[in-house]
């Protein structure tokens, strides 16, 4: 039930105590299935929400006239807009020294 086949259920046969135990196992399996389905639904909803926010942020970033660069605490660039990309490109093609080419 746990690993092999999620839909497997124990056949309640044999003495009454064994039948009762089989029904209890089946009830627990059904509860587990309901919880797993609920968790899967919550995950799908959260993913859709994150994707929607990501699209909103991308639309906002693309419309900004200013160059925007988003970094993490380690200084790693996580996100940048087209204006920042153009400025980086211009800097890369400019003088090799910040001090005026000495």
PDB file of N, CA and C in Angstrom:
ATOM      1  N   UNK A   1       0.812  -1.197   0.000  1.00  0.00           N
ATOM      2  CA  UNK A   1       0.000   0.000   0.000  1.00  0.00           C
ATOM      3  C   UNK A   1       0.856   1.261   0.000  1.00  0.00           C
ATOM      4  N   UNK A   2       1.908   1.277   0.788  1.00  0.00           N
ATOM      5  CA  UNK A   2       2.697   2.495   0.919  1.00  0.00           C
ATOM      6  C   UNK A   2       3.517   2.807  -0.319  1.00  0.00           C
ATOM      7  N   UNK A   3       4.188   1.812  -0.854  1.00  0.00           N
ATOM      8  CA  UNK A   3       5.118   2.109  -1.926  1.00  0.00           C
ATOM      9  C   UNK A   3       4.731   1.590  -3.285  1.00  0.00           C
ATOM     10  N   UNK A   4       4.166   0.419  -3.348  1.00  0.00           N
ATOM     11  CA  UNK A   4       3.986  -0.243  -4.634  1.00  0.00           C
ATOM     12  C   UNK A   4       2.775   0.268  -5.412  1.00  0.00           C
ATOM     13  N   UNK A   5       1.608   0.261  -4.787  1.00  0.00           N
ATOM     14  CA  UNK A   5       0.389   0.593  -5.506  1.00  0.00           C
ATOM     15  C   UNK A   5      -0.519   1.423  -4.615  1.00  0.00           C
ATOM     16  N   UNK A   6      -0.654   2.674  -4.954  1.00  0.00           N
ATOM     17  CA  UNK A   6      -1.459   3.589  -4.137  1.00  0.00           C
ATOM     18  C   UNK A   6      -2.924   3.172  -4.070  1.00  0.00           C
ATOM     19  N   UNK A   7      -3.418   2.493  -5.068  1.00  0.00           N
ATOM     20  CA  UNK A   7      -4.831   2.105  -5.112  1.00  0.00           C
ATOM     21  C   UNK A   7      -5.111   0.734  -4.489  1.00  0.00           C
ATOM     22  N   UNK A   8      -4.084   0.063  -4.041  1.00  0.00           N
ATOM     23  CA  UNK A   8      -4.286  -1.271  -3.443  1.00  0.00           C
ATOM     24  C   UNK A   8      -5.037  -1.138  -2.129  1.00  0.00           C
ATOM     25  N   UNK A   9      -5.983  -2.050  -1.930  1.00  0.00           N
ATOM     26  CA  UNK A   9      -6.710  -2.128  -0.669  1.00  0.00           C
ATOM     27  C   UNK A   9      -6.734  -3.589  -0.227  1.00  0.00           C
ATOM     28  N   UNK A  10      -6.706  -3.778   1.093  1.00  0.00           N
ATOM     29  CA  UNK A  10      -6.719  -5.121   1.672  1.00  0.00           C
ATOM     30  C   UNK A  10      -8.135  -5.672   1.600  1.00  0.00           C
ATOM     31  N   UNK A  11      -8.250  -6.944   1.193  1.00  0.00           N
ATOM     32  CA  UNK A  11      -9.557  -7.589   1.154  1.00  0.00           C
ATOM     33  C   UNK A  11      -9.929  -8.036   2.572  1.00  0.00           C
ATOM     34  N   UNK A  12     -11.040  -7.519   3.101  1.00  0.00           N
ATOM     35  CA  UNK A  12     -11.421  -7.890   4.466  1.00  0.00           C
ATOM     36  C   UNK A  12     -12.047  -9.287   4.500  1.00  0.00           C
ATOM     37  N   UNK A  13     -11.238 -10.281   4.768  1.00  0.00           N
ATOM     38  CA  UNK A  13     -11.735 -11.650   4.888  1.00  0.00           C
ATOM     39  C   UNK A  13     -11.063 -12.337   6.066  1.00  0.00           C
ATOM     40  N   UNK A  14     -11.629 -13.416   6.497  1.00  0.00           N
ATOM     41  CA  UNK A  14     -11.086 -14.130   7.649  1.00  0.00           C
ATOM     42  C   UNK A  14     -11.901 -13.828   8.895  1.00  0.00           C
ATOM     43  N   UNK A  15     -11.312 -14.053  10.055  1.00  0.00           N
ATOM     44  CA  UNK A  15     -12.022 -13.811  11.314  1.00  0.00           C
ATOM     45  C   UNK A  15     -12.421 -12.337  11.442  1.00  0.00           C
ATOM     46  N   UNK A  16     -13.439 -12.036  12.250  1.00  0.00           N
ATOM     47  CA  UNK A  16     -13.919 -10.661  12.391  1.00  0.00           C
ATOM     48  C   UNK A  16     -12.822  -9.671  12.794  1.00  0.00           C
ATOM     49  N   UNK A  17     -11.907 -10.112  13.647  1.00  0.00           N
ATOM     50  CA  UNK A  17     -10.831  -9.209  14.071  1.00  0.00           C
ATOM     51  C   UNK A  17      -9.934  -8.826  12.893  1.00  0.00           C
ATOM     52  N   UNK A  18      -9.644  -9.786  12.032  1.00  0.00           N
ATOM     53  CA  UNK A  18      -8.796  -9.544  10.855  1.00  0.00           C
ATOM     54  C   UNK A  18      -9.540  -8.651   9.864  1.00  0.00           C
ATOM     55  N   UNK A  19     -10.850  -8.890   9.704  1.00  0.00           N
ATOM     56  CA  UNK A  19     -11.654  -8.048   8.812  1.00  0.00           C
ATOM     57  C   UNK A  19     -11.669  -6.594   9.316  1.00  0.00           C
ATOM     58  N   UNK A  20     -11.812  -6.461  10.644  1.00  0.00           N
ATOM     59  CA  UNK A  20     -11.815  -5.123  11.232  1.00  0.00           C
ATOM     60  C   UNK A  20     -10.459  -4.431  10.985  1.00  0.00           C
ATOM     61  N   UNK A  21      -9.383  -5.161  11.152  1.00  0.00           N
ATOM     62  CA  UNK A  21      -8.045  -4.636  10.915  1.00  0.00           C
ATOM     63  C   UNK A  21      -7.866  -4.253   9.444  1.00  0.00           C
ATOM     64  N   UNK A  22      -8.376  -5.077   8.542  1.00  0.00           N
ATOM     65  CA  UNK A  22      -8.280  -4.792   7.101  1.00  0.00           C
ATOM     66  C   UNK A  22      -9.054  -3.522   6.758  1.00  0.00           C
ATOM     67  N   UNK A  23     -10.262  -3.382   7.323  1.00  0.00           N
ATOM     68  CA  UNK A  23     -11.044  -2.172   7.069  1.00  0.00           C
ATOM     69  C   UNK A  23     -10.336  -0.930   7.621  1.00  0.00           C
ATOM     70  N   UNK A  24      -9.718  -1.056   8.794  1.00  0.00           N
ATOM     71  CA  UNK A  24      -8.979   0.065   9.378  1.00  0.00           C
ATOM     72  C   UNK A  24      -7.794   0.445   8.485  1.00  0.00           C
ATOM     73  N   UNK A  25      -7.086  -0.538   7.955  1.00  0.00           N
ATOM     74  CA  UNK A  25      -5.960  -0.269   7.052  1.00  0.00           C
ATOM     75  C   UNK A  25      -6.454   0.428   5.782  1.00  0.00           C
ATOM     76  N   UNK A  26      -7.584  -0.033   5.264  1.00  0.00           N
ATOM     77  CA  UNK A  26      -8.150   0.589   4.064  1.00  0.00           C
ATOM     78  C   UNK A  26      -8.592   2.026   4.336  1.00  0.00           C
ATOM     79  N   UNK A  27      -9.172   2.257   5.522  1.00  0.00           N
ATOM     80  CA  UNK A  27      -9.584   3.621   5.893  1.00  0.00           C
ATOM     81  C   UNK A  27      -8.368   4.550   5.977  1.00  0.00           C
ATOM     82  N   UNK A  28      -7.295   4.062   6.589  1.00  0.00           N
ATOM     83  CA  UNK A  28      -6.076   4.859   6.679  1.00  0.00           C
ATOM     84  C   UNK A  28      -5.500   5.147   5.291  1.00  0.00           C
ATOM     85  N   UNK A  29      -5.539   4.151   4.424  1.00  0.00           N
ATOM     86  CA  UNK A  29      -5.035   4.345   3.059  1.00  0.00           C
ATOM     87  C   UNK A  29      -5.868   5.400   2.333  1.00  0.00           C
ATOM     88  N   UNK A  30      -7.176   5.375   2.552  1.00  0.00           N
ATOM     89  CA  UNK A  30      -8.059   6.365   1.926  1.00  0.00           C
ATOM     90  C   UNK A  30      -7.770   7.763   2.462  1.00  0.00           C
ATOM     91  N   UNK A  31      -7.557   7.867   3.764  1.00  0.00           N
ATOM     92  CA  UNK A  31      -7.222   9.171   4.360  1.00  0.00           C
ATOM     93  C   UNK A  31      -5.900   9.687   3.801  1.00  0.00           C
ATOM     94  N   UNK A  32      -4.926   8.789   3.660  1.00  0.00           N
ATOM     95  CA  UNK A  32      -3.639   9.174   3.088  1.00  0.00           C
ATOM     96  C   UNK A  32      -3.812   9.686   1.661  1.00  0.00           C
ATOM     97  N   UNK A  33      -4.645   9.014   0.875  1.00  0.00           N
ATOM     98  CA  UNK A  33      -4.877   9.438  -0.504  1.00  0.00           C
ATOM     99  C   UNK A  33      -5.500  10.825  -0.562  1.00  0.00           C
ATOM    100  N   UNK A  34      -6.459  11.082   0.317  1.00  0.00           N
ATOM    101  CA  UNK A  34      -7.106  12.395   0.363  1.00  0.00           C
ATOM    102  C   UNK A  34      -6.074  13.467   0.717  1.00  0.00           C
ATOM    103  N   UNK A  35      -5.221  13.188   1.711  1.00  0.00           N
ATOM    104  CA  UNK A  35      -4.193  14.147   2.110  1.00  0.00           C
ATOM    105  C   UNK A  35      -3.174  14.371   1.003  1.00  0.00           C
ATOM    106  N   UNK A  36      -2.752  13.309   0.336  1.00  0.00           N
ATOM    107  CA  UNK A  36      -1.800  13.450  -0.771  1.00  0.00           C
ATOM    108  C   UNK A  36      -2.389  14.281  -1.906  1.00  0.00           C
ATOM    109  N   UNK A  37      -3.660  14.052  -2.208  1.00  0.00           N
ATOM    110  CA  UNK A  37      -4.321  14.840  -3.247  1.00  0.00           C
ATOM    111  C   UNK A  37      -4.406  16.307  -2.841  1.00  0.00           C
ATOM    112  N   UNK A  38      -4.693  16.554  -1.562  1.00  0.00           N
ATOM    113  CA  UNK A  38      -4.781  17.921  -1.066  1.00  0.00           C
ATOM    114  C   UNK A  38      -3.423  18.617  -1.154  1.00  0.00           C
ATOM    115  N   UNK A  39      -2.371  17.923  -0.762  1.00  0.00           N
ATOM    116  CA  UNK A  39      -1.025  18.497  -0.836  1.00  0.00           C
ATOM    117  C   UNK A  39      -0.659  18.780  -2.294  1.00  0.00           C
ATOM    118  N   UNK A  40      -0.968  17.863  -3.181  1.00  0.00           N
ATOM    119  CA  UNK A  40      -0.670  18.069  -4.605  1.00  0.00           C
ATOM    120  C   UNK A  40      -1.413  19.292  -5.140  1.00  0.00           C
ATOM    121  N   UNK A  41      -2.654  19.462  -4.721  1.00  0.00           N
ATOM    122  CA  UNK A  41      -3.444  20.615  -5.152  1.00  0.00           C
ATOM    123  C   UNK A  41      -2.851  21.915  -4.610  1.00  0.00           C
ATOM    124  N   UNK A  42      -2.417  21.900  -3.349  1.00  0.00           N
ATOM    125  CA  UNK A  42      -1.810  23.095  -2.760  1.00  0.00           C
ATOM    126  C   UNK A  42      -0.499  23.447  -3.460  1.00  0.00           C
ATOM    127  N   UNK A  43       0.276  22.437  -3.811  1.00  0.00           N
ATOM    128  CA  UNK A  43       1.540  22.671  -4.525  1.00  0.00           C
ATOM    129  C   UNK A  43       1.260  23.281  -5.901  1.00  0.00           C
ATOM    130  N   UNK A  44       0.277  22.748  -6.606  1.00  0.00           N
ATOM    131  CA  UNK A  44      -0.066  23.276  -7.928  1.00  0.00           C
ATOM    132  C   UNK A  44      -0.542  24.724  -7.828  1.00  0.00           C
ATOM    133  N   UNK A  45      -1.333  25.034  -6.816  1.00  0.00           N
ATOM    134  CA  UNK A  45      -1.811  26.399  -6.615  1.00  0.00           C
ATOM    135  C   UNK A  45      -0.650  27.335  -6.315  1.00  0.00           C
ATOM    136  N   UNK A  46       0.265  26.896  -5.461  1.00  0.00           N
ATOM    137  CA  UNK A  46       1.424  27.722  -5.115  1.00  0.00           C
ATOM    138  C   UNK A  46       2.310  27.954  -6.335  1.00  0.00           C
ATOM    139  N   UNK A  47       2.528  26.909  -7.140  1.00  0.00           N
ATOM    140  CA  UNK A  47       3.343  27.067  -8.350  1.00  0.00           C
ATOM    141  C   UNK A  47       2.704  28.062  -9.312  1.00  0.00           C
ATOM    142  N   UNK A  48       1.388  27.989  -9.469  1.00  0.00           N
ATOM    143  CA  UNK A  48       0.686  28.916 -10.361  1.00  0.00           C
ATOM    144  C   UNK A  48       0.812  30.347  -9.843  1.00  0.00           C
ATOM    145  N   UNK A  49       0.711  30.520  -8.537  1.00  0.00           N
ATOM    146  CA  UNK A  49       0.837  31.847  -7.936  1.00  0.00           C
ATOM    147  C   UNK A  49       2.242  32.407  -8.136  1.00  0.00           C
ATOM    148  N   UNK A  50       3.257  31.582  -7.931  1.00  0.00           N
ATOM    149  CA  UNK A  50       4.641  32.022  -8.128  1.00  0.00           C
ATOM    150  C   UNK A  50       4.880  32.381  -9.593  1.00  0.00           C
ATOM    151  N   UNK A  51       4.355  31.589 -10.489  1.00  0.00           N
ATOM    152  CA  UNK A  51       4.517  31.868 -11.920  1.00  0.00           C
ATOM    153  C   UNK A  51       3.850  33.195 -12.296  1.00  0.00           C
ATOM    154  N   UNK A  52       2.685  33.451 -11.725  1.00  0.00           N
ATOM    155  CA  UNK A  52       1.973  34.704 -11.982  1.00  0.00           C
ATOM    156  C   UNK A  52       2.788  35.896 -11.469  1.00  0.00           C
ATOM    157  N   UNK A  53       3.336  35.785 -10.270  1.00  0.00           N
ATOM    158  CA  UNK A  53       4.168  36.850  -9.713  1.00  0.00           C
ATOM    159  C   UNK A  53       5.434  37.046 -10.548  1.00  0.00           C
ATOM    160  N   UNK A  54       6.008  35.952 -11.002  1.00  0.00           N
ATOM    161  CA  UNK A  54       7.209  36.032 -11.837  1.00  0.00           C
ATOM    162  C   UNK A  54       6.909  36.781 -13.129  1.00  0.00           C
ATOM    163  N   UNK A  55       5.776  36.494 -13.735  1.00  0.00           N
ATOM    164  CA  UNK A  55       5.395  37.170 -14.977  1.00  0.00           C
ATOM    165  C   UNK A  55       5.138  38.653 -14.737  1.00  0.00           C
ATOM    166  N   UNK A  56       4.512  38.978 -13.598  1.00  0.00           N
ATOM    167  CA  UNK A  56       4.275  40.378 -13.246  1.00  0.00           C
ATOM    168  C   UNK A  56       5.596  41.131 -13.076  1.00  0.00           C
ATOM    169  N   UNK A  57       6.522  40.499 -12.373  1.00  0.00           N
ATOM    170  CA  UNK A  57       7.830  41.117 -12.151  1.00  0.00           C
ATOM    171  C   UNK A  57       8.576  41.302 -13.467  1.00  0.00           C
ATOM    172  N   UNK A  58       8.521  40.308 -14.329  1.00  0.00           N
ATOM    173  CA  UNK A  58       9.199  40.410 -15.628  1.00  0.00           C
ATOM    174  C   UNK A  58       8.610  41.546 -16.460  1.00  0.00           C
ATOM    175  N   UNK A  59       7.289  41.687 -16.430  1.00  0.00           N
ATOM    176  CA  UNK A  59       6.647  42.775 -17.175  1.00  0.00           C
ATOM    177  C   UNK A  59       7.057  44.128 -16.603  1.00  0.00           C
ATOM    178  N   UNK A  60       7.094  44.244 -15.296  1.00  0.00           N
ATOM    179  CA  UNK A  60       7.500  45.488 -14.652  1.00  0.00           C
ATOM    180  C   UNK A  60       8.953  45.825 -14.988  1.00  0.00           C
ATOM    181  N   UNK A  61       9.825  44.840 -14.860  1.00  0.00           N
ATOM    182  CA  UNK A  61      11.252  45.060 -15.131  1.00  0.00           C
ATOM    183  C   UNK A  61      11.487  45.497 -16.575  1.00  0.00           C
ATOM    184  N   UNK A  62      10.757  44.918 -17.505  1.00  0.00           N
ATOM    185  CA  UNK A  62      10.974  45.245 -18.914  1.00  0.00           C
ATOM    186  C   UNK A  62      10.505  46.653 -19.255  1.00  0.00           C
ATOM    187  N   UNK A  63       9.591  47.209 -18.473  1.00  0.00           N
ATOM    188  CA  UNK A  63       9.060  48.540 -18.745  1.00  0.00           C
ATOM    189  C   UNK A  63       9.851  49.661 -18.075  1.00  0.00           C
ATOM    190  N   UNK A  64      10.738  49.335 -17.145  1.00  0.00           N
ATOM    191  CA  UNK A  64      11.488  50.364 -16.430  1.00  0.00           C
ATOM    192  C   UNK A  64      12.511  51.029 -17.333  1.00  0.00           C
ATOM    193  N   UNK A  65      12.612  52.360 -17.225  1.00  0.00           N
ATOM    194  CA  UNK A  65      13.597  53.105 -18.000  1.00  0.00           C
ATOM    195  C   UNK A  65      14.977  53.033 -17.341  1.00  0.00           C
ATOM    196  N   UNK A  66      15.014  52.788 -16.034  1.00  0.00           N
ATOM    197  CA  UNK A  66      16.271  52.705 -15.322  1.00  0.00           C
ATOM    198  C   UNK A  66      16.856  51.298 -15.429  1.00  0.00           C
ATOM    199  N   UNK A  67      18.165  51.232 -15.293  1.00  0.00           N
ATOM    200  CA  UNK A  67      18.836  49.929 -15.235  1.00  0.00           C
ATOM    201  C   UNK A  67      18.611  49.352 -13.845  1.00  0.00           C
ATOM    202  N   UNK A  68      18.160  48.105 -13.781  1.00  0.00           N
ATOM    203  CA  UNK A  68      17.899  47.453 -12.496  1.00  0.00           C
ATOM    204  C   UNK A  68      18.637  46.122 -12.470  1.00  0.00           C
ATOM    205  N   UNK A  69      19.416  45.932 -11.394  1.00  0.00           N
ATOM    206  CA  UNK A  69      20.126  44.676 -11.183  1.00  0.00           C
ATOM    207  C   UNK A  69      19.765  44.195  -9.787  1.00  0.00           C
ATOM    208  N   UNK A  70      19.319  42.943  -9.679  1.00  0.00           N
ATOM    209  CA  UNK A  70      18.957  42.351  -8.393  1.00  0.00           C
ATOM    210  C   UNK A  70      20.007  41.293  -8.069  1.00  0.00           C
ATOM    211  N   UNK A  71      20.630  41.455  -6.881  1.00  0.00           N
ATOM    212  CA  UNK A  71      21.683  40.525  -6.441  1.00  0.00           C
ATOM    213  C   UNK A  71      21.289  39.881  -5.119  1.00  0.00           C
ATOM    214  N   UNK A  72      21.871  38.722  -4.855  1.00  0.00           N
ATOM    215  CA  UNK A  72      21.688  38.109  -3.541  1.00  0.00           C
ATOM    216  C   UNK A  72      22.746  38.654  -2.594  1.00  0.00           C
ATOM    217  N   UNK A  73      22.756  38.196  -1.363  1.00  0.00           N
ATOM    218  CA  UNK A  73      23.700  38.707  -0.363  1.00  0.00           C
ATOM    219  C   UNK A  73      25.156  38.420  -0.730  1.00  0.00           C
ATOM    220  N   UNK A  74      25.401  37.422  -1.542  1.00  0.00           N
ATOM    221  CA  UNK A  74      26.759  37.089  -1.980  1.00  0.00           C
ATOM    222  C   UNK A  74      27.206  37.912  -3.185  1.00  0.00           C
ATOM    223  N   UNK A  75      26.329  38.783  -3.684  1.00  0.00           N
ATOM    224  CA  UNK A  75      26.666  39.600  -4.839  1.00  0.00           C
ATOM    225  C   UNK A  75      26.392  38.932  -6.171  1.00  0.00           C
ATOM    226  N   UNK A  76      25.797  37.775  -6.132  1.00  0.00           N
ATOM    227  CA  UNK A  76      25.474  37.067  -7.382  1.00  0.00           C
ATOM    228  C   UNK A  76      24.253  37.717  -8.026  1.00  0.00           C
ATOM    229  N   UNK A  77      24.346  38.012  -9.305  1.00  0.00           N
ATOM    230  CA  UNK A  77      23.233  38.642 -10.023  1.00  0.00           C
ATOM    231  C   UNK A  77      22.137  37.609 -10.243  1.00  0.00           C
ATOM    232  N   UNK A  78      20.948  37.945  -9.766  1.00  0.00           N
ATOM    233  CA  UNK A  78      19.804  37.056  -9.908  1.00  0.00           C
ATOM    234  C   UNK A  78      18.883  37.492 -11.044  1.00  0.00           C
ATOM    235  N   UNK A  79      18.816  38.803 -11.257  1.00  0.00           N
ATOM    236  CA  UNK A  79      17.853  39.331 -12.220  1.00  0.00           C
ATOM    237  C   UNK A  79      18.344  40.688 -12.709  1.00  0.00           C
ATOM    238  N   UNK A  80      18.142  40.989 -13.978  1.00  0.00           N
ATOM    239  CA  UNK A  80      18.471  42.305 -14.511  1.00  0.00           C
ATOM    240  C   UNK A  80      17.552  42.585 -15.685  1.00  0.00           C
ATOM    241  N   UNK A  81      17.378  43.872 -15.970  1.00  0.00           N
ATOM    242  CA  UNK A  81      16.514  44.217 -17.091  1.00  0.00           C
ATOM    243  C   UNK A  81      17.353  44.567 -18.320  1.00  0.00           C
ATOM    244  N   UNK A  82      16.684  44.860 -19.423  1.00  0.00           N
ATOM    245  CA  UNK A  82      17.367  45.103 -20.690  1.00  0.00           C
ATOM    246  C   UNK A  82      18.247  46.346 -20.607  1.00  0.00           C
ATOM    247  N   UNK A  83      17.790  47.370 -19.901  1.00  0.00           N
ATOM    248  CA  UNK A  83      18.584  48.598 -19.762  1.00  0.00           C
ATOM    249  C   UNK A  83      19.916  48.292 -19.066  1.00  0.00           C
ATOM    250  N   UNK A  84      19.890  47.472 -18.025  1.00  0.00           N
ATOM    251  CA  UNK A  84      21.127  47.088 -17.334  1.00  0.00           C
ATOM    252  C   UNK A  84      22.025  46.273 -18.258  1.00  0.00           C
ATOM    253  N   UNK A  85      21.429  45.389 -19.027  1.00  0.00           N
ATOM    254  CA  UNK A  85      22.211  44.579 -19.971  1.00  0.00           C
ATOM    255  C   UNK A  85      22.936  45.468 -20.973  1.00  0.00           C
ATOM    256  N   UNK A  86      22.234  46.485 -21.477  1.00  0.00           N
ATOM    257  CA  UNK A  86      22.859  47.405 -22.435  1.00  0.00           C
ATOM    258  C   UNK A  86      24.001  48.190 -21.781  1.00  0.00           C
ATOM    259  N   UNK A  87      23.814  48.590 -20.525  1.00  0.00           N
ATOM    260  CA  UNK A  87      24.881  49.313 -19.837  1.00  0.00           C
ATOM    261  C   UNK A  87      26.090  48.411 -19.575  1.00  0.00           C
ATOM    262  N   UNK A  88      25.834  47.174 -19.183  1.00  0.00           N
ATOM    263  CA  UNK A  88      26.935  46.230 -18.989  1.00  0.00           C
ATOM    264  C   UNK A  88      27.697  46.023 -20.303  1.00  0.00           C
ATOM    265  N   UNK A  89      26.953  45.917 -21.388  1.00  0.00           N
ATOM    266  CA  UNK A  89      27.567  45.707 -22.695  1.00  0.00           C
ATOM    267  C   UNK A  89      28.427  46.916 -23.074  1.00  0.00           C
ATOM    268  N   UNK A  90      27.911  48.123 -22.822  1.00  0.00           N
ATOM    269  CA  UNK A  90      28.670  49.339 -23.132  1.00  0.00           C
ATOM    270  C   UNK A  90      29.928  49.421 -22.278  1.00  0.00           C
ATOM    271  N   UNK A  91      29.813  49.056 -21.004  1.00  0.00           N
ATOM    272  CA  UNK A  91      30.984  49.073 -20.124  1.00  0.00           C
ATOM    273  C   UNK A  91      32.027  48.054 -20.587  1.00  0.00           C
ATOM    274  N   UNK A  92      31.561  46.901 -21.039  1.00  0.00           N
ATOM    275  CA  UNK A  92      32.487  45.849 -21.486  1.00  0.00           C
ATOM    276  C   UNK A  92      33.227  46.259 -22.748  1.00  0.00           C
ATOM    277  N   UNK A  93      32.618  47.105 -23.574  1.00  0.00           N
ATOM    278  CA  UNK A  93      33.249  47.536 -24.825  1.00  0.00           C
ATOM    279  C   UNK A  93      34.040  48.831 -24.655  1.00  0.00           C
ATOM    280  N   UNK A  94      33.923  49.473 -23.469  1.00  0.00           N
ATOM    281  CA  UNK A  94      34.607  50.744 -23.214  1.00  0.00           C
ATOM    282  C   UNK A  94      36.046  50.538 -22.808  1.00  0.00           C
ATOM    283  N   UNK A  95      36.644  51.595 -22.195  1.00  0.00           N
ATOM    284  CA  UNK A  95      38.047  51.525 -21.746  1.00  0.00           C
ATOM    285  C   UNK A  95      38.252  50.357 -20.772  1.00  0.00           C
ATOM    286  N   UNK A  96      39.459  49.837 -20.783  1.00  0.00           N
ATOM    287  CA  UNK A  96      39.747  48.670 -19.931  1.00  0.00           C
ATOM    288  C   UNK A  96      40.049  49.061 -18.503  1.00  0.00           C
ATOM    289  N   UNK A  97      40.244  50.352 -18.232  1.00  0.00           N
ATOM    290  CA  UNK A  97      40.584  50.781 -16.872  1.00  0.00           C
ATOM    291  C   UNK A  97      39.593  51.829 -16.404  1.00  0.00           C
ATOM    292  N   UNK A  98      39.190  51.741 -15.170  1.00  0.00           N
ATOM    293  CA  UNK A  98      38.271  52.705 -14.603  1.00  0.00           C
ATOM    294  C   UNK A  98      38.974  54.046 -14.408  1.00  0.00           C
ATOM    295  N   UNK A  99      40.278  54.045 -14.228  1.00  0.00           N
ATOM    296  CA  UNK A  99      41.029  55.263 -13.955  1.00  0.00           C
ATOM    297  C   UNK A  99      41.403  56.048 -15.218  1.00  0.00           C
ATOM    298  N   UNK A 100      40.798  55.757 -16.325  1.00  0.00           N
ATOM    299  CA  UNK A 100      41.033  56.545 -17.529  1.00  0.00           C
ATOM    300  C   UNK A 100      42.046  55.951 -18.494  1.00  0.00           C
ATOM    301  N   UNK A 101      42.371  54.687 -18.393  1.00  0.00           N
ATOM    302  CA  UNK A 101      43.228  54.028 -19.362  1.00  0.00           C
ATOM    303  C   UNK A 101      44.702  54.061 -19.034  1.00  0.00           C
ATOM    304  N   UNK A 102      45.072  54.257 -17.779  1.00  0.00           N
ATOM    305  CA  UNK A 102      46.504  54.264 -17.424  1.00  0.00           C
ATOM    306  C   UNK A 102      47.119  52.905 -17.509  1.00  0.00           C
TER     307      UNK A 102
END
